[in-house]
Amino acid sequence: MKKVFLSACVLFSALCFTSCEKEEVSKSTYALDQSNSKVKWKGYSPVLFHDGSFNVQSQDIKVEDGRVVSGTFTIPIASIENFDLPDHIKPVLLEHLKSPDFFNLALHPTAFFKITKVQELTNGAAGTNYTVTGDFTMLGQTHPITFPAKIAVEGSNLNLDANFKLDRTKWGMNYAADPALGEHHILPEVDIEFDLTAHKK
């Protein structure tokens, strides 16, 4: 009887150790590779567009069993860049975008995105395989957003790509949003692209 009891204890301990080891291996934290990660933007008027990017930072992208479950992303507004204008004109646009008409850099130097839910997506367009939901904070306001994304976790590397539209007026960015302005009207919806690369910490 004593041998049976000891064998049961050994088996129970082995199962507990195996279970704990498996749980530890299945949970990982990833940090963005800032040199290879950007949030790209593209804004439109009826007659033209401007596009560019922001830097993005994150140290706490949580992955469980190969799937992203959470993460917080910081976007410094001062990092805004423009791609389409000549170098001598770019500063004019960028200073206007940093002004109270748009991002109001002096009062709101940072935007944030916090993932609250990631759901698997079947038959997603353009190779997307997940739907990402989270809280986006800009100009002191926080509102939920949801978008399809292509997420790949391979070993110590993680890639997230997404394209979606964001209505800037929901966060109070209303400059030139009146269609009556004609050619000077700036459309409320902005194209956003996440091009993110992360590595396991």
C-alpha atoms as a PDB file:
ATOM      1  CA  MET A   1       0.000   0.000   0.000  1.00  0.00           C
ATOM      2  CA  LYS A   2       2.851   2.375   0.855  1.00  0.00           C
ATOM      3  CA  LYS A   3       4.444   1.745  -2.565  1.00  0.00           C
ATOM      4  CA  VAL A   4       1.169   2.478  -4.318  1.00  0.00           C
ATOM      5  CA  PHE A   5       0.795   5.712  -2.361  1.00  0.00           C
ATOM      6  CA  LEU A   6       4.357   6.787  -3.176  1.00  0.00           C
ATOM      7  CA  SER A   7       3.871   5.949  -6.848  1.00  0.00           C
ATOM      8  CA  ALA A   8       0.687   8.023  -6.912  1.00  0.00           C
ATOM      9  CA  CYS A   9       2.507  10.967  -5.312  1.00  0.00           C
ATOM     10  CA  VAL A  10       5.331  10.729  -7.850  1.00  0.00           C
ATOM     11  CA  LEU A  11       2.848  10.578 -10.732  1.00  0.00           C
ATOM     12  CA  PHE A  12       0.889  13.552  -9.357  1.00  0.00           C
ATOM     13  CA  SER A  13       4.083  15.589  -8.930  1.00  0.00           C
ATOM     14  CA  ALA A  14       5.184  14.744 -12.467  1.00  0.00           C
ATOM     15  CA  LEU A  15       1.835  15.802 -13.884  1.00  0.00           C
ATOM     16  CA  CYS A  16       1.929  19.079 -11.960  1.00  0.00           C
ATOM     17  CA  PHE A  17       5.477  19.800 -13.127  1.00  0.00           C
ATOM     18  CA  THR A  18       4.598  18.981 -16.736  1.00  0.00           C
ATOM     19  CA  SER A  19       1.494  21.170 -16.573  1.00  0.00           C
ATOM     20  CA  CYS A  20       3.390  24.127 -15.103  1.00  0.00           C
ATOM     21  CA  GLU A  21       6.196  23.724 -17.618  1.00  0.00           C
ATOM     22  CA  LYS A  22       3.716  23.656 -20.511  1.00  0.00           C
ATOM     23  CA  GLU A  23       1.947  26.774 -19.249  1.00  0.00           C
ATOM     24  CA  GLU A  24       5.236  28.641 -18.928  1.00  0.00           C
ATOM     25  CA  VAL A  25       6.340  27.693 -22.452  1.00  0.00           C
ATOM     26  CA  SER A  26       2.971  28.643 -24.028  1.00  0.00           C
ATOM     27  CA  LYS A  27       3.012  32.236 -22.750  1.00  0.00           C
ATOM     28  CA  SER A  28       5.443  34.789 -24.191  1.00  0.00           C
ATOM     29  CA  THR A  29       5.951  38.541 -24.296  1.00  0.00           C
ATOM     30  CA  TYR A  30       7.102  40.337 -27.440  1.00  0.00           C
ATOM     31  CA  ALA A  31       8.538  43.834 -27.939  1.00  0.00           C
ATOM     32  CA  LEU A  32       8.270  45.865 -31.142  1.00  0.00           C
ATOM     33  CA  ASP A  33      11.327  46.283 -33.321  1.00  0.00           C
ATOM     34  CA  GLN A  34      11.000  50.073 -33.588  1.00  0.00           C
ATOM     35  CA  SER A  35      13.330  50.353 -36.568  1.00  0.00           C
ATOM     36  CA  ASN A  36      11.065  48.020 -38.564  1.00  0.00           C
ATOM     37  CA  SER A  37       7.627  49.085 -37.298  1.00  0.00           C
ATOM     38  CA  LYS A  38       5.478  51.974 -38.509  1.00  0.00           C
ATOM     39  CA  VAL A  39       1.933  53.248 -38.371  1.00  0.00           C
ATOM     40  CA  LYS A  40       1.244  54.703 -41.814  1.00  0.00           C
ATOM     41  CA  TRP A  41      -1.477  57.243 -42.629  1.00  0.00           C
ATOM     42  CA  LYS A  42      -3.097  58.692 -45.735  1.00  0.00           C
ATOM     43  CA  GLY A  43      -5.527  61.622 -45.698  1.00  0.00           C
ATOM     44  CA  TYR A  44      -7.647  62.948 -48.548  1.00  0.00           C
ATOM     45  CA  SER A  45      -9.318  66.042 -49.927  1.00  0.00           C
ATOM     46  CA  PRO A  46     -11.567  65.836 -53.033  1.00  0.00           C
ATOM     47  CA  VAL A  47      -8.570  66.708 -55.229  1.00  0.00           C
ATOM     48  CA  LEU A  48      -5.416  65.373 -53.547  1.00  0.00           C
ATOM     49  CA  PHE A  49      -3.966  63.311 -50.717  1.00  0.00           C
ATOM     50  CA  HIS A  50      -1.029  63.357 -48.315  1.00  0.00           C
ATOM     51  CA  ASP A  51       0.555  60.320 -46.701  1.00  0.00           C
ATOM     52  CA  GLY A  52       3.209  59.550 -44.148  1.00  0.00           C
ATOM     53  CA  SER A  53       3.903  57.616 -40.959  1.00  0.00           C
ATOM     54  CA  PHE A  54       4.375  57.637 -37.184  1.00  0.00           C
ATOM     55  CA  ASN A  55       6.813  55.720 -35.040  1.00  0.00           C
ATOM     56  CA  VAL A  56       5.272  53.167 -32.697  1.00  0.00           C
ATOM     57  CA  GLN A  57       6.478  51.530 -29.482  1.00  0.00           C
ATOM     58  CA  SER A  58       5.398  48.497 -27.453  1.00  0.00           C
ATOM     59  CA  GLN A  59       7.077  46.265 -24.883  1.00  0.00           C
ATOM     60  CA  ASP A  60       4.141  44.104 -23.765  1.00  0.00           C
ATOM     61  CA  ILE A  61       2.570  42.180 -26.645  1.00  0.00           C
ATOM     62  CA  LYS A  62       1.291  39.004 -24.971  1.00  0.00           C
ATOM     63  CA  VAL A  63       1.119  35.747 -26.910  1.00  0.00           C
ATOM     64  CA  GLU A  64      -0.531  32.568 -25.622  1.00  0.00           C
ATOM     65  CA  ASP A  65      -0.373  29.282 -27.517  1.00  0.00           C
ATOM     66  CA  GLY A  66       0.874  31.124 -30.605  1.00  0.00           C
ATOM     67  CA  ARG A  67      -1.907  33.735 -30.602  1.00  0.00           C
ATOM     68  CA  VAL A  68      -1.765  37.434 -29.680  1.00  0.00           C
ATOM     69  CA  VAL A  69      -4.071  38.132 -26.728  1.00  0.00           C
ATOM     70  CA  SER A  70      -3.152  41.663 -25.616  1.00  0.00           C
ATOM     71  CA  GLY A  71      -0.757  44.557 -26.086  1.00  0.00           C
ATOM     72  CA  THR A  72      -0.395  48.288 -25.595  1.00  0.00           C
ATOM     73  CA  PHE A  73       1.053  50.532 -28.319  1.00  0.00           C
ATOM     74  CA  THR A  74       2.365  54.089 -27.920  1.00  0.00           C
ATOM     75  CA  ILE A  75       2.465  56.494 -30.873  1.00  0.00           C
ATOM     76  CA  PRO A  76       4.529  59.682 -30.331  1.00  0.00           C
ATOM     77  CA  ILE A  77       2.853  62.421 -32.380  1.00  0.00           C
ATOM     78  CA  ALA A  78       6.132  64.338 -32.768  1.00  0.00           C
ATOM     79  CA  SER A  79       7.440  61.446 -34.903  1.00  0.00           C
ATOM     80  CA  ILE A  80       4.990  62.211 -37.731  1.00  0.00           C
ATOM     81  CA  GLU A  81       6.507  62.088 -41.221  1.00  0.00           C
ATOM     82  CA  ASN A  82       5.284  62.958 -44.713  1.00  0.00           C
ATOM     83  CA  PHE A  83       6.102  60.974 -47.850  1.00  0.00           C
ATOM     84  CA  ASP A  84       4.604  62.828 -50.806  1.00  0.00           C
ATOM     85  CA  LEU A  85       5.684  66.474 -50.580  1.00  0.00           C
ATOM     86  CA  PRO A  86       9.032  68.045 -51.577  1.00  0.00           C
ATOM     87  CA  ASP A  87      11.451  68.523 -48.688  1.00  0.00           C
ATOM     88  CA  HIS A  88      11.062  72.314 -48.614  1.00  0.00           C
ATOM     89  CA  ILE A  89       7.249  72.044 -48.229  1.00  0.00           C
ATOM     90  CA  LYS A  90       7.019  69.114 -45.808  1.00  0.00           C
ATOM     91  CA  PRO A  91       7.668  71.222 -42.668  1.00  0.00           C
ATOM     92  CA  VAL A  92       4.659  73.433 -43.453  1.00  0.00           C
ATOM     93  CA  LEU A  93       2.277  70.461 -43.546  1.00  0.00           C
ATOM     94  CA  LEU A  94       3.844  68.742 -40.540  1.00  0.00           C
ATOM     95  CA  GLU A  95       3.650  71.846 -38.354  1.00  0.00           C
ATOM     96  CA  HIS A  96       0.002  72.280 -39.301  1.00  0.00           C
ATOM     97  CA  LEU A  97      -0.724  68.636 -38.412  1.00  0.00           C
ATOM     98  CA  LYS A  98       0.926  69.157 -35.016  1.00  0.00           C
ATOM     99  CA  SER A  99      -1.154  72.292 -34.369  1.00  0.00           C
ATOM    100  CA  PRO A 100      -4.503  72.500 -32.501  1.00  0.00           C
ATOM    101  CA  ASP A 101      -6.262  72.111 -35.868  1.00  0.00           C
ATOM    102  CA  PHE A 102      -5.248  68.447 -35.901  1.00  0.00           C
ATOM    103  CA  PHE A 103      -3.218  66.516 -33.295  1.00  0.00           C
ATOM    104  CA  ASN A 104      -2.604  69.397 -30.875  1.00  0.00           C
ATOM    105  CA  LEU A 105       0.866  68.125 -30.012  1.00  0.00           C
ATOM    106  CA  ALA A 106       1.402  70.613 -27.172  1.00  0.00           C
ATOM    107  CA  LEU A 107      -1.522  69.198 -25.172  1.00  0.00           C
ATOM    108  CA  HIS A 108      -1.674  65.631 -26.489  1.00  0.00           C
ATOM    109  CA  PRO A 109       1.831  64.448 -27.407  1.00  0.00           C
ATOM    110  CA  THR A 110       0.941  60.768 -27.537  1.00  0.00           C
ATOM    111  CA  ALA A 111      -1.724  58.481 -28.982  1.00  0.00           C
ATOM    112  CA  PHE A 112      -2.339  54.981 -27.618  1.00  0.00           C
ATOM    113  CA  PHE A 113      -3.847  51.726 -28.798  1.00  0.00           C
ATOM    114  CA  LYS A 114      -4.675  48.921 -26.352  1.00  0.00           C
ATOM    115  CA  ILE A 115      -5.754  45.513 -27.643  1.00  0.00           C
ATOM    116  CA  THR A 116      -8.779  44.179 -25.758  1.00  0.00           C
ATOM    117  CA  LYS A 117      -9.773  41.199 -27.940  1.00  0.00           C
ATOM    118  CA  VAL A 118      -8.353  39.149 -30.815  1.00  0.00           C
ATOM    119  CA  GLN A 119     -10.659  36.734 -32.646  1.00  0.00           C
ATOM    120  CA  GLU A 120      -9.789  34.228 -35.330  1.00  0.00           C
ATOM    121  CA  LEU A 121     -11.115  35.163 -38.772  1.00  0.00           C
ATOM    122  CA  THR A 122     -11.901  32.613 -41.480  1.00  0.00           C
ATOM    123  CA  ASN A 123     -11.838  33.523 -45.156  1.00  0.00           C
ATOM    124  CA  GLY A 124     -10.516  37.007 -44.409  1.00  0.00           C
ATOM    125  CA  ALA A 125      -9.842  39.369 -47.309  1.00  0.00           C
ATOM    126  CA  ALA A 126      -6.240  40.005 -48.394  1.00  0.00           C
ATOM    127  CA  GLY A 127      -4.950  37.148 -46.253  1.00  0.00           C
ATOM    128  CA  THR A 128      -6.238  38.543 -42.952  1.00  0.00           C
ATOM    129  CA  ASN A 129      -6.670  35.859 -40.291  1.00  0.00           C
ATOM    130  CA  TYR A 130      -7.765  37.739 -37.159  1.00  0.00           C
ATOM    131  CA  THR A 131     -10.105  40.527 -36.095  1.00  0.00           C
ATOM    132  CA  VAL A 132      -8.468  42.900 -33.617  1.00  0.00           C
ATOM    133  CA  THR A 133     -10.517  45.026 -31.219  1.00  0.00           C
ATOM    134  CA  GLY A 134      -9.066  47.660 -28.926  1.00  0.00           C
ATOM    135  CA  ASP A 135      -9.279  51.120 -27.392  1.00  0.00           C
ATOM    136  CA  PHE A 136      -7.684  53.945 -29.359  1.00  0.00           C
ATOM    137  CA  THR A 137      -6.840  57.147 -27.482  1.00  0.00           C
ATOM    138  CA  MET A 138      -6.156  60.421 -29.309  1.00  0.00           C
ATOM    139  CA  LEU A 139      -6.705  64.070 -28.345  1.00  0.00           C
ATOM    140  CA  GLY A 140      -7.655  62.947 -24.838  1.00  0.00           C
ATOM    141  CA  GLN A 141     -10.554  60.779 -26.028  1.00  0.00           C
ATOM    142  CA  THR A 142     -10.778  56.991 -26.069  1.00  0.00           C
ATOM    143  CA  HIS A 143     -13.047  55.033 -28.426  1.00  0.00           C
ATOM    144  CA  PRO A 144     -13.120  51.372 -29.469  1.00  0.00           C
ATOM    145  CA  ILE A 145     -12.032  50.326 -32.946  1.00  0.00           C
ATOM    146  CA  THR A 146     -12.109  46.954 -34.728  1.00  0.00           C
ATOM    147  CA  PHE A 147     -10.178  45.935 -37.830  1.00  0.00           C
ATOM    148  CA  PRO A 148      -9.043  42.809 -39.703  1.00  0.00           C
ATOM    149  CA  ALA A 149      -5.359  41.945 -39.505  1.00  0.00           C
ATOM    150  CA  LYS A 150      -2.815  39.438 -40.714  1.00  0.00           C
ATOM    151  CA  ILE A 151      -0.882  38.155 -37.700  1.00  0.00           C
ATOM    152  CA  ALA A 152       1.950  35.636 -37.922  1.00  0.00           C
ATOM    153  CA  VAL A 153       3.808  34.275 -34.898  1.00  0.00           C
ATOM    154  CA  GLU A 154       6.798  32.177 -35.948  1.00  0.00           C
ATOM    155  CA  GLY A 155       9.274  31.257 -33.252  1.00  0.00           C
ATOM    156  CA  SER A 156      10.741  34.416 -31.754  1.00  0.00           C
ATOM    157  CA  ASN A 157       9.257  36.687 -34.439  1.00  0.00           C
ATOM    158  CA  LEU A 158       5.825  38.287 -34.691  1.00  0.00           C
ATOM    159  CA  ASN A 159       4.406  40.273 -37.612  1.00  0.00           C
ATOM    160  CA  LEU A 160       1.145  42.212 -37.674  1.00  0.00           C
ATOM    161  CA  ASP A 161      -0.174  43.886 -40.819  1.00  0.00           C
ATOM    162  CA  ALA A 162      -3.497  45.704 -41.067  1.00  0.00           C
ATOM    163  CA  ASN A 163      -5.253  48.253 -43.272  1.00  0.00           C
ATOM    164  CA  PHE A 164      -8.401  50.076 -42.199  1.00  0.00           C
ATOM    165  CA  LYS A 165     -10.107  53.469 -42.110  1.00  0.00           C
ATOM    166  CA  LEU A 166     -10.347  55.751 -39.072  1.00  0.00           C
ATOM    167  CA  ASP A 167     -12.905  58.562 -38.745  1.00  0.00           C
ATOM    168  CA  ARG A 168     -10.875  61.373 -37.159  1.00  0.00           C
ATOM    169  CA  THR A 169     -13.990  63.357 -36.213  1.00  0.00           C
ATOM    170  CA  LYS A 170     -14.934  60.732 -33.588  1.00  0.00           C
ATOM    171  CA  TRP A 171     -11.959  61.999 -31.568  1.00  0.00           C
ATOM    172  CA  GLY A 172     -12.848  65.666 -32.102  1.00  0.00           C
ATOM    173  CA  MET A 173     -10.489  66.335 -35.013  1.00  0.00           C
ATOM    174  CA  ASN A 174     -12.978  68.402 -37.013  1.00  0.00           C
ATOM    175  CA  TYR A 175     -10.768  70.788 -38.976  1.00  0.00           C
ATOM    176  CA  ALA A 176     -12.071  71.298 -42.550  1.00  0.00           C
ATOM    177  CA  ALA A 177     -14.509  68.411 -42.147  1.00  0.00           C
ATOM    178  CA  ASP A 178     -17.411  70.361 -43.704  1.00  0.00           C
ATOM    179  CA  PRO A 179     -18.123  69.175 -47.291  1.00  0.00           C
ATOM    180  CA  ALA A 180     -19.289  72.717 -48.102  1.00  0.00           C
ATOM    181  CA  LEU A 181     -15.613  73.700 -48.248  1.00  0.00           C
ATOM    182  CA  GLY A 182     -15.378  72.047 -51.663  1.00  0.00           C
ATOM    183  CA  GLU A 183     -11.783  71.440 -52.723  1.00  0.00           C
ATOM    184  CA  HIS A 184     -10.593  72.555 -49.275  1.00  0.00           C
ATOM    185  CA  HIS A 185     -12.704  69.881 -47.584  1.00  0.00           C
ATOM    186  CA  ILE A 186     -10.625  67.217 -45.794  1.00  0.00           C
ATOM    187  CA  LEU A 187     -12.397  63.882 -45.672  1.00  0.00           C
ATOM    188  CA  PRO A 188     -13.110  62.593 -42.152  1.00  0.00           C
ATOM    189  CA  GLU A 189     -11.841  59.088 -42.907  1.00  0.00           C
ATOM    190  CA  VAL A 190      -8.093  58.481 -42.914  1.00  0.00           C
ATOM    191  CA  ASP A 191      -6.410  55.330 -44.200  1.00  0.00           C
ATOM    192  CA  ILE A 192      -4.356  53.633 -41.476  1.00  0.00           C
ATOM    193  CA  GLU A 193      -1.823  50.870 -42.006  1.00  0.00           C
ATOM    194  CA  PHE A 194      -0.084  48.907 -39.260  1.00  0.00           C
ATOM    195  CA  ASP A 195       3.242  47.450 -40.380  1.00  0.00           C
ATOM    196  CA  LEU A 196       4.626  45.953 -37.180  1.00  0.00           C
ATOM    197  CA  THR A 197       7.481  43.569 -36.396  1.00  0.00           C
ATOM    198  CA  ALA A 198       8.193  42.274 -32.892  1.00  0.00           C
ATOM    199  CA  HIS A 199      10.598  39.857 -31.241  1.00  0.00           C
ATOM    200  CA  LYS A 200      10.261  37.686 -28.164  1.00  0.00           C
ATOM    201  CA  LYS A 201      11.751  39.239 -25.047  1.00  0.00           C
END
